[in-house]
Amino acid sequence: MCLDVVNWMVGRISDVAGADHYYNNVNQQDQADCNAHGIDYQPCVIPGDLQSGHRRHGDLMWRQFYNLTRVGVQGLYISMFDEFNEGNQIAKTAETAAWVPTGSGLRALDEDGTACSSDYYLRLTNDGGRLFKGQAPLTPVRPTAPMG
């Protein structure tokens, strides 16, 4: 039997301070409780809502990778690959407004003023996976360049 706990983060945090608050007030306690009961802890990592301007060119997502790795989770769940309508996709996304279909209501990755390549969140997810697996140093500073 597989026992694990997954926190769904969509709508719960929107910035690095929120990610840190969740780490201090939820993740640490959840991990301790799961450890005590032999349950794997596999929280959700979100890139942030692009439509609401939460991404901060990867800082929100990276902070979650950092926090969850240092708390010792057993797995990570990335939300989501292609939910363009909800704005939390990691799939290739329009770099600038010039790439966005007219009238779509979608925002581009440079919405916060920082240019990001269309595959940026895929690359960031890869680096987060390397961090989680111990293949990259544990650092709160996002190593992934927005343009790569």
N, C-alpha and C. Protein backbone atom coordinates (compact mmCIF):
# COMPACT_ATOMS: atom_id res chain seq x y z
N MET A 1 0.84 -1.17 0.00
CA MET A 1 0.00 0.00 0.00
C MET A 1 0.90 1.24 0.00
N CYS A 2 0.54 2.20 -0.80
CA CYS A 2 1.28 3.45 -0.89
C CYS A 2 0.60 4.50 -0.03
N LEU A 3 1.36 5.06 0.87
CA LEU A 3 0.83 6.13 1.71
C LEU A 3 1.65 7.38 1.49
N ASP A 4 1.00 8.43 1.05
CA ASP A 4 1.69 9.70 0.95
C ASP A 4 0.70 10.84 1.12
N VAL A 5 1.25 12.00 1.45
CA VAL A 5 0.46 13.21 1.64
C VAL A 5 0.92 14.22 0.59
N VAL A 6 -0.04 14.79 -0.13
CA VAL A 6 0.27 15.79 -1.15
C VAL A 6 -0.49 17.07 -0.79
N ASN A 7 0.25 18.16 -0.59
CA ASN A 7 -0.38 19.47 -0.39
C ASN A 7 -0.63 20.10 -1.75
N TRP A 8 -1.83 20.56 -1.99
CA TRP A 8 -2.16 21.25 -3.24
C TRP A 8 -1.94 22.74 -3.00
N MET A 9 -1.00 23.34 -3.72
CA MET A 9 -0.57 24.71 -3.44
C MET A 9 -1.23 25.78 -4.31
N VAL A 10 -1.90 25.39 -5.37
CA VAL A 10 -2.52 26.38 -6.25
C VAL A 10 -3.49 27.23 -5.44
N GLY A 11 -3.26 28.53 -5.46
CA GLY A 11 -4.11 29.46 -4.72
C GLY A 11 -3.72 29.68 -3.27
N ARG A 12 -2.73 28.95 -2.77
CA ARG A 12 -2.33 29.09 -1.37
C ARG A 12 -1.21 30.10 -1.16
N ILE A 13 -0.30 30.19 -2.13
CA ILE A 13 0.81 31.13 -2.01
C ILE A 13 0.94 31.91 -3.31
N SER A 14 1.51 33.11 -3.20
CA SER A 14 1.66 33.92 -4.41
C SER A 14 2.99 34.66 -4.46
N ASP A 15 3.84 34.44 -3.45
CA ASP A 15 5.14 35.11 -3.45
C ASP A 15 6.11 34.34 -2.55
N VAL A 16 7.36 34.77 -2.56
CA VAL A 16 8.40 34.09 -1.78
C VAL A 16 8.08 34.14 -0.28
N ALA A 17 7.57 35.26 0.20
CA ALA A 17 7.21 35.36 1.62
C ALA A 17 6.14 34.33 1.97
N GLY A 18 5.19 34.12 1.08
CA GLY A 18 4.16 33.11 1.31
C GLY A 18 4.74 31.71 1.31
N ALA A 19 5.69 31.46 0.41
CA ALA A 19 6.35 30.15 0.38
C ALA A 19 7.11 29.91 1.68
N ASP A 20 7.79 30.94 2.17
CA ASP A 20 8.53 30.81 3.43
C ASP A 20 7.58 30.62 4.62
N HIS A 21 6.48 31.35 4.61
CA HIS A 21 5.48 31.19 5.66
C HIS A 21 4.95 29.76 5.67
N TYR A 22 4.65 29.24 4.51
CA TYR A 22 4.14 27.87 4.41
C TYR A 22 5.19 26.87 4.87
N TYR A 23 6.44 27.11 4.53
CA TYR A 23 7.54 26.25 4.99
C TYR A 23 7.61 26.24 6.52
N ASN A 24 7.57 27.42 7.12
CA ASN A 24 7.70 27.53 8.57
C ASN A 24 6.48 27.05 9.34
N ASN A 25 5.31 27.19 8.77
CA ASN A 25 4.08 26.92 9.50
C ASN A 25 3.32 25.67 9.07
N VAL A 26 3.72 25.07 7.95
CA VAL A 26 3.02 23.88 7.48
C VAL A 26 4.00 22.77 7.10
N ASN A 27 4.92 23.06 6.18
CA ASN A 27 5.79 22.00 5.64
C ASN A 27 6.62 21.30 6.71
N GLN A 28 7.21 22.05 7.61
CA GLN A 28 8.05 21.43 8.64
C GLN A 28 7.23 20.49 9.53
N GLN A 29 6.06 20.95 9.93
CA GLN A 29 5.21 20.14 10.79
C GLN A 29 4.66 18.93 10.03
N ASP A 30 4.27 19.14 8.78
CA ASP A 30 3.76 18.02 7.97
C ASP A 30 4.83 16.95 7.79
N GLN A 31 6.07 17.38 7.50
CA GLN A 31 7.15 16.42 7.31
C GLN A 31 7.40 15.63 8.59
N ALA A 32 7.42 16.32 9.72
CA ALA A 32 7.64 15.63 11.00
C ALA A 32 6.52 14.63 11.28
N ASP A 33 5.29 15.02 11.00
CA ASP A 33 4.16 14.12 11.23
C ASP A 33 4.23 12.91 10.29
N CYS A 34 4.55 13.16 9.04
CA CYS A 34 4.68 12.05 8.09
C CYS A 34 5.81 11.10 8.50
N ASN A 35 6.93 11.67 8.91
CA ASN A 35 8.05 10.83 9.38
C ASN A 35 7.62 9.96 10.55
N ALA A 36 6.90 10.55 11.48
CA ALA A 36 6.47 9.82 12.68
C ALA A 36 5.51 8.68 12.36
N HIS A 37 4.81 8.79 11.24
CA HIS A 37 3.81 7.78 10.89
C HIS A 37 4.17 6.94 9.67
N GLY A 38 5.41 7.06 9.19
CA GLY A 38 5.85 6.26 8.05
C GLY A 38 5.15 6.59 6.75
N ILE A 39 4.81 7.86 6.58
CA ILE A 39 4.11 8.31 5.38
C ILE A 39 5.04 9.22 4.58
N ASP A 40 5.06 9.03 3.27
CA ASP A 40 5.85 9.91 2.41
C ASP A 40 5.14 11.25 2.25
N TYR A 41 5.93 12.30 2.24
CA TYR A 41 5.40 13.65 2.06
C TYR A 41 5.82 14.13 0.68
N GLN A 42 4.85 14.45 -0.16
CA GLN A 42 5.10 14.86 -1.55
C GLN A 42 4.30 16.12 -1.86
N PRO A 43 4.77 17.27 -1.40
CA PRO A 43 4.03 18.50 -1.64
C PRO A 43 4.08 18.95 -3.10
N CYS A 44 3.17 19.80 -3.42
CA CYS A 44 3.04 20.39 -4.74
C CYS A 44 3.95 21.62 -4.85
N VAL A 45 4.57 21.79 -6.00
CA VAL A 45 5.35 22.98 -6.32
C VAL A 45 4.65 23.68 -7.48
N ILE A 46 4.45 24.98 -7.34
CA ILE A 46 3.79 25.74 -8.41
C ILE A 46 4.74 26.80 -8.96
N PRO A 47 4.60 27.10 -10.25
CA PRO A 47 5.40 28.20 -10.80
C PRO A 47 4.84 29.56 -10.39
N GLY A 48 3.59 29.58 -10.00
CA GLY A 48 2.89 30.83 -9.69
C GLY A 48 1.92 31.14 -10.81
N ASP A 49 0.93 31.90 -10.50
CA ASP A 49 -0.10 32.26 -11.46
C ASP A 49 0.42 33.37 -12.37
N LEU A 50 0.69 33.03 -13.61
CA LEU A 50 1.20 34.01 -14.57
C LEU A 50 0.19 35.13 -14.79
N GLN A 51 -1.08 34.77 -14.84
CA GLN A 51 -2.11 35.77 -15.10
C GLN A 51 -2.20 36.81 -13.98
N SER A 52 -1.81 36.44 -12.77
CA SER A 52 -1.87 37.35 -11.63
C SER A 52 -0.52 37.97 -11.28
N GLY A 53 0.51 37.63 -12.04
CA GLY A 53 1.83 38.22 -11.81
C GLY A 53 2.57 37.65 -10.61
N HIS A 54 2.34 36.39 -10.29
CA HIS A 54 2.96 35.79 -9.10
C HIS A 54 4.32 35.16 -9.34
N ARG A 55 4.73 35.00 -10.56
CA ARG A 55 5.92 34.18 -10.84
C ARG A 55 7.24 34.81 -10.43
N ARG A 56 7.37 36.08 -10.59
CA ARG A 56 8.63 36.78 -10.27
C ARG A 56 9.82 36.11 -10.93
N HIS A 57 9.66 35.85 -12.23
CA HIS A 57 10.70 35.23 -13.07
C HIS A 57 11.40 34.04 -12.40
N GLY A 58 10.59 33.20 -11.75
CA GLY A 58 11.10 31.94 -11.22
C GLY A 58 11.43 31.93 -9.74
N ASP A 59 11.46 33.09 -9.11
CA ASP A 59 11.84 33.12 -7.69
C ASP A 59 10.86 32.36 -6.80
N LEU A 60 9.56 32.47 -7.08
CA LEU A 60 8.57 31.75 -6.27
C LEU A 60 8.77 30.24 -6.40
N MET A 61 8.91 29.77 -7.61
CA MET A 61 9.06 28.33 -7.82
C MET A 61 10.36 27.82 -7.20
N TRP A 62 11.44 28.57 -7.41
CA TRP A 62 12.72 28.12 -6.85
C TRP A 62 12.67 28.06 -5.34
N ARG A 63 12.03 29.03 -4.69
CA ARG A 63 11.97 29.03 -3.23
C ARG A 63 11.27 27.77 -2.72
N GLN A 64 10.26 27.32 -3.44
CA GLN A 64 9.58 26.09 -3.05
C GLN A 64 10.51 24.88 -3.20
N PHE A 65 11.24 24.81 -4.30
CA PHE A 65 12.22 23.72 -4.46
C PHE A 65 13.21 23.74 -3.30
N TYR A 66 13.72 24.90 -2.98
CA TYR A 66 14.70 25.06 -1.90
C TYR A 66 14.10 24.65 -0.55
N ASN A 67 12.94 25.21 -0.22
CA ASN A 67 12.32 24.92 1.07
C ASN A 67 11.97 23.44 1.22
N LEU A 68 11.40 22.86 0.19
CA LEU A 68 10.96 21.47 0.30
C LEU A 68 12.12 20.50 0.30
N THR A 69 13.19 20.85 -0.38
CA THR A 69 14.38 20.00 -0.35
C THR A 69 15.02 20.04 1.03
N ARG A 70 15.13 21.22 1.61
CA ARG A 70 15.77 21.31 2.92
C ARG A 70 14.92 20.73 4.04
N VAL A 71 13.61 20.66 3.86
CA VAL A 71 12.78 20.03 4.89
C VAL A 71 12.82 18.50 4.77
N GLY A 72 13.27 18.00 3.61
CA GLY A 72 13.46 16.56 3.46
C GLY A 72 12.29 15.78 2.90
N VAL A 73 11.48 16.42 2.06
CA VAL A 73 10.33 15.71 1.48
C VAL A 73 10.80 14.51 0.66
N GLN A 74 9.91 13.55 0.50
CA GLN A 74 10.23 12.34 -0.25
C GLN A 74 9.94 12.46 -1.74
N GLY A 75 9.17 13.44 -2.12
CA GLY A 75 8.84 13.63 -3.53
C GLY A 75 8.27 15.02 -3.74
N LEU A 76 8.18 15.41 -5.00
CA LEU A 76 7.61 16.70 -5.38
C LEU A 76 6.61 16.48 -6.50
N TYR A 77 5.55 17.25 -6.48
CA TYR A 77 4.55 17.21 -7.54
C TYR A 77 4.51 18.59 -8.17
N ILE A 78 4.77 18.68 -9.47
CA ILE A 78 4.78 19.97 -10.16
C ILE A 78 3.39 20.25 -10.72
N SER A 79 2.87 21.39 -10.39
CA SER A 79 1.56 21.80 -10.90
C SER A 79 1.74 23.05 -11.75
N MET A 80 1.37 22.96 -12.91
CA MET A 80 0.95 21.92 -13.82
C MET A 80 1.75 22.09 -15.11
N PHE A 81 1.70 21.09 -15.95
CA PHE A 81 2.45 21.16 -17.19
C PHE A 81 1.83 22.14 -18.18
N ASP A 82 0.53 22.04 -18.41
CA ASP A 82 -0.04 22.81 -19.52
C ASP A 82 -1.37 23.51 -19.20
N GLU A 83 -1.55 23.95 -18.00
CA GLU A 83 -2.80 24.64 -17.66
C GLU A 83 -2.69 26.14 -17.98
N PHE A 84 -2.70 26.43 -19.27
CA PHE A 84 -2.58 27.81 -19.73
C PHE A 84 -3.77 28.64 -19.26
N ASN A 85 -4.95 28.03 -19.22
CA ASN A 85 -6.14 28.78 -18.82
C ASN A 85 -6.08 29.22 -17.36
N GLU A 86 -5.35 28.50 -16.53
CA GLU A 86 -5.20 28.89 -15.13
C GLU A 86 -3.90 29.66 -14.88
N GLY A 87 -3.03 29.70 -15.87
CA GLY A 87 -1.81 30.49 -15.76
C GLY A 87 -0.70 29.87 -14.93
N ASN A 88 -0.79 28.58 -14.61
CA ASN A 88 0.27 27.96 -13.81
C ASN A 88 1.01 26.87 -14.58
N GLN A 89 1.13 27.05 -15.88
CA GLN A 89 1.81 26.08 -16.73
C GLN A 89 3.33 26.23 -16.66
N ILE A 90 4.02 25.08 -16.86
CA ILE A 90 5.48 25.12 -17.02
C ILE A 90 5.86 24.83 -18.47
N ALA A 91 4.90 24.45 -19.29
CA ALA A 91 5.16 24.19 -20.71
C ALA A 91 5.65 25.47 -21.38
N LYS A 92 6.24 25.31 -22.55
CA LYS A 92 6.71 26.49 -23.28
C LYS A 92 5.59 27.51 -23.38
N THR A 93 5.94 28.75 -23.10
CA THR A 93 4.97 29.84 -23.00
C THR A 93 5.50 31.05 -23.75
N ALA A 94 4.61 31.88 -24.20
CA ALA A 94 4.99 33.09 -24.93
C ALA A 94 5.99 33.92 -24.13
N GLU A 95 7.08 34.30 -24.78
CA GLU A 95 8.10 35.11 -24.11
C GLU A 95 7.66 36.56 -23.92
N THR A 96 7.00 37.10 -24.93
CA THR A 96 6.57 38.51 -24.88
C THR A 96 5.13 38.60 -25.36
N ALA A 97 4.53 39.76 -25.14
CA ALA A 97 3.15 39.98 -25.57
C ALA A 97 3.01 39.81 -27.09
N ALA A 98 4.09 40.03 -27.83
CA ALA A 98 4.05 39.86 -29.28
C ALA A 98 3.76 38.41 -29.67
N TRP A 99 4.04 37.47 -28.78
CA TRP A 99 3.81 36.05 -29.05
C TRP A 99 2.42 35.59 -28.63
N VAL A 100 1.69 36.42 -27.91
CA VAL A 100 0.39 36.03 -27.36
C VAL A 100 -0.70 36.32 -28.40
N PRO A 101 -1.60 35.36 -28.63
CA PRO A 101 -2.69 35.60 -29.58
C PRO A 101 -3.55 36.80 -29.15
N THR A 102 -3.84 37.66 -30.08
CA THR A 102 -4.65 38.85 -29.81
C THR A 102 -6.00 38.45 -29.22
N GLY A 103 -6.37 39.13 -28.16
CA GLY A 103 -7.66 38.89 -27.54
C GLY A 103 -7.74 37.65 -26.67
N SER A 104 -6.64 36.95 -26.47
CA SER A 104 -6.67 35.71 -25.70
C SER A 104 -6.78 35.95 -24.19
N GLY A 105 -6.33 37.12 -23.75
CA GLY A 105 -6.33 37.39 -22.32
C GLY A 105 -5.16 36.76 -21.59
N LEU A 106 -4.29 36.08 -22.32
CA LEU A 106 -3.13 35.44 -21.71
C LEU A 106 -1.99 36.44 -21.56
N ARG A 107 -1.13 36.18 -20.59
CA ARG A 107 0.04 37.03 -20.37
C ARG A 107 1.30 36.28 -20.78
N ALA A 108 2.32 37.04 -21.10
CA ALA A 108 3.61 36.46 -21.51
C ALA A 108 4.54 36.36 -20.30
N LEU A 109 5.61 35.60 -20.46
CA LEU A 109 6.56 35.38 -19.37
C LEU A 109 7.28 36.65 -18.91
N ASP A 110 7.33 37.66 -19.74
CA ASP A 110 8.01 38.90 -19.34
C ASP A 110 7.08 39.86 -18.61
N GLU A 111 5.97 39.36 -18.08
CA GLU A 111 4.97 40.21 -17.45
C GLU A 111 5.52 41.01 -16.27
N ASP A 112 6.60 40.56 -15.66
CA ASP A 112 7.16 41.30 -14.53
C ASP A 112 8.36 42.17 -14.94
N GLY A 113 8.58 42.28 -16.25
CA GLY A 113 9.66 43.12 -16.74
C GLY A 113 10.97 42.38 -16.98
N THR A 114 11.02 41.10 -16.65
CA THR A 114 12.22 40.29 -16.86
C THR A 114 11.98 39.34 -18.03
N ALA A 115 12.83 39.43 -19.03
CA ALA A 115 12.71 38.54 -20.18
C ALA A 115 13.04 37.11 -19.78
N CYS A 116 12.18 36.18 -20.19
CA CYS A 116 12.38 34.75 -19.91
C CYS A 116 12.20 33.99 -21.22
N SER A 117 13.04 32.99 -21.46
CA SER A 117 12.87 32.16 -22.65
C SER A 117 11.60 31.34 -22.52
N SER A 118 11.05 30.94 -23.65
CA SER A 118 9.79 30.20 -23.64
C SER A 118 9.88 28.89 -22.86
N ASP A 119 11.08 28.31 -22.79
CA ASP A 119 11.26 27.04 -22.07
C ASP A 119 11.79 27.24 -20.64
N TYR A 120 11.77 28.46 -20.17
CA TYR A 120 12.38 28.79 -18.88
C TYR A 120 11.87 27.92 -17.73
N TYR A 121 10.57 27.74 -17.62
CA TYR A 121 10.04 26.97 -16.49
C TYR A 121 10.31 25.47 -16.62
N LEU A 122 10.52 25.00 -17.82
CA LEU A 122 10.97 23.62 -17.99
C LEU A 122 12.41 23.48 -17.49
N ARG A 123 13.24 24.46 -17.83
CA ARG A 123 14.63 24.43 -17.37
C ARG A 123 14.71 24.60 -15.85
N LEU A 124 13.88 25.48 -15.31
CA LEU A 124 13.86 25.70 -13.86
C LEU A 124 13.40 24.43 -13.14
N THR A 125 12.42 23.75 -13.70
CA THR A 125 11.95 22.49 -13.12
C THR A 125 13.07 21.44 -13.15
N ASN A 126 13.81 21.39 -14.23
CA ASN A 126 14.94 20.47 -14.31
C ASN A 126 15.97 20.78 -13.22
N ASP A 127 16.30 22.05 -13.05
CA ASP A 127 17.26 22.42 -12.02
C ASP A 127 16.71 22.14 -10.62
N GLY A 128 15.41 22.35 -10.43
CA GLY A 128 14.79 22.01 -9.15
C GLY A 128 14.86 20.52 -8.87
N GLY A 129 14.70 19.72 -9.90
CA GLY A 129 14.83 18.26 -9.76
C GLY A 129 16.25 17.87 -9.38
N ARG A 130 17.21 18.53 -9.98
CA ARG A 130 18.61 18.26 -9.65
C ARG A 130 18.89 18.65 -8.19
N LEU A 131 18.35 19.77 -7.75
CA LEU A 131 18.50 20.19 -6.36
C LEU A 131 17.90 19.14 -5.43
N PHE A 132 16.68 18.72 -5.73
CA PHE A 132 15.97 17.74 -4.92
C PHE A 132 16.74 16.42 -4.82
N LYS A 133 17.38 16.01 -5.91
CA LYS A 133 18.12 14.75 -5.94
C LYS A 133 19.53 14.87 -5.37
N GLY A 134 19.92 16.07 -4.93
CA GLY A 134 21.25 16.26 -4.38
C GLY A 134 22.33 16.40 -5.43
N GLN A 135 21.94 16.66 -6.67
CA GLN A 135 22.89 16.81 -7.77
C GLN A 135 23.30 18.26 -7.99
N ALA A 136 22.76 19.16 -7.20
CA ALA A 136 23.09 20.58 -7.27
C ALA A 136 23.12 21.09 -5.83
N PRO A 137 23.91 22.12 -5.56
CA PRO A 137 24.00 22.63 -4.19
C PRO A 137 22.68 23.22 -3.70
N LEU A 138 22.41 23.03 -2.42
CA LEU A 138 21.22 23.60 -1.79
C LEU A 138 21.44 25.10 -1.62
N THR A 139 20.68 25.88 -2.36
CA THR A 139 20.84 27.33 -2.33
C THR A 139 19.49 28.01 -2.49
N PRO A 140 19.27 29.09 -1.73
CA PRO A 140 18.02 29.83 -1.91
C PRO A 140 18.05 30.71 -3.16
N VAL A 141 19.22 30.83 -3.77
CA VAL A 141 19.37 31.68 -4.96
C VAL A 141 19.13 30.84 -6.21
N ARG A 142 18.18 31.24 -6.98
CA ARG A 142 17.81 30.54 -8.21
C ARG A 142 19.00 30.53 -9.17
N PRO A 143 19.49 29.33 -9.55
CA PRO A 143 20.65 29.27 -10.44
C PRO A 143 20.30 29.36 -11.93
N THR A 144 19.05 29.20 -12.24
CA THR A 144 18.61 29.14 -13.63
C THR A 144 18.43 30.54 -14.19
N ALA A 145 19.16 30.84 -15.24
CA ALA A 145 19.04 32.15 -15.88
C ALA A 145 17.74 32.21 -16.68
N PRO A 146 16.98 33.30 -16.57
CA PRO A 146 15.72 33.40 -17.31
C PRO A 146 15.88 33.25 -18.82
N MET A 147 16.95 33.73 -19.35
CA MET A 147 17.22 33.55 -20.79
C MET A 147 18.37 32.56 -20.90
N GLY A 148 18.13 31.45 -21.57
CA GLY A 148 19.19 30.46 -21.61
C GLY A 148 19.35 29.77 -22.91
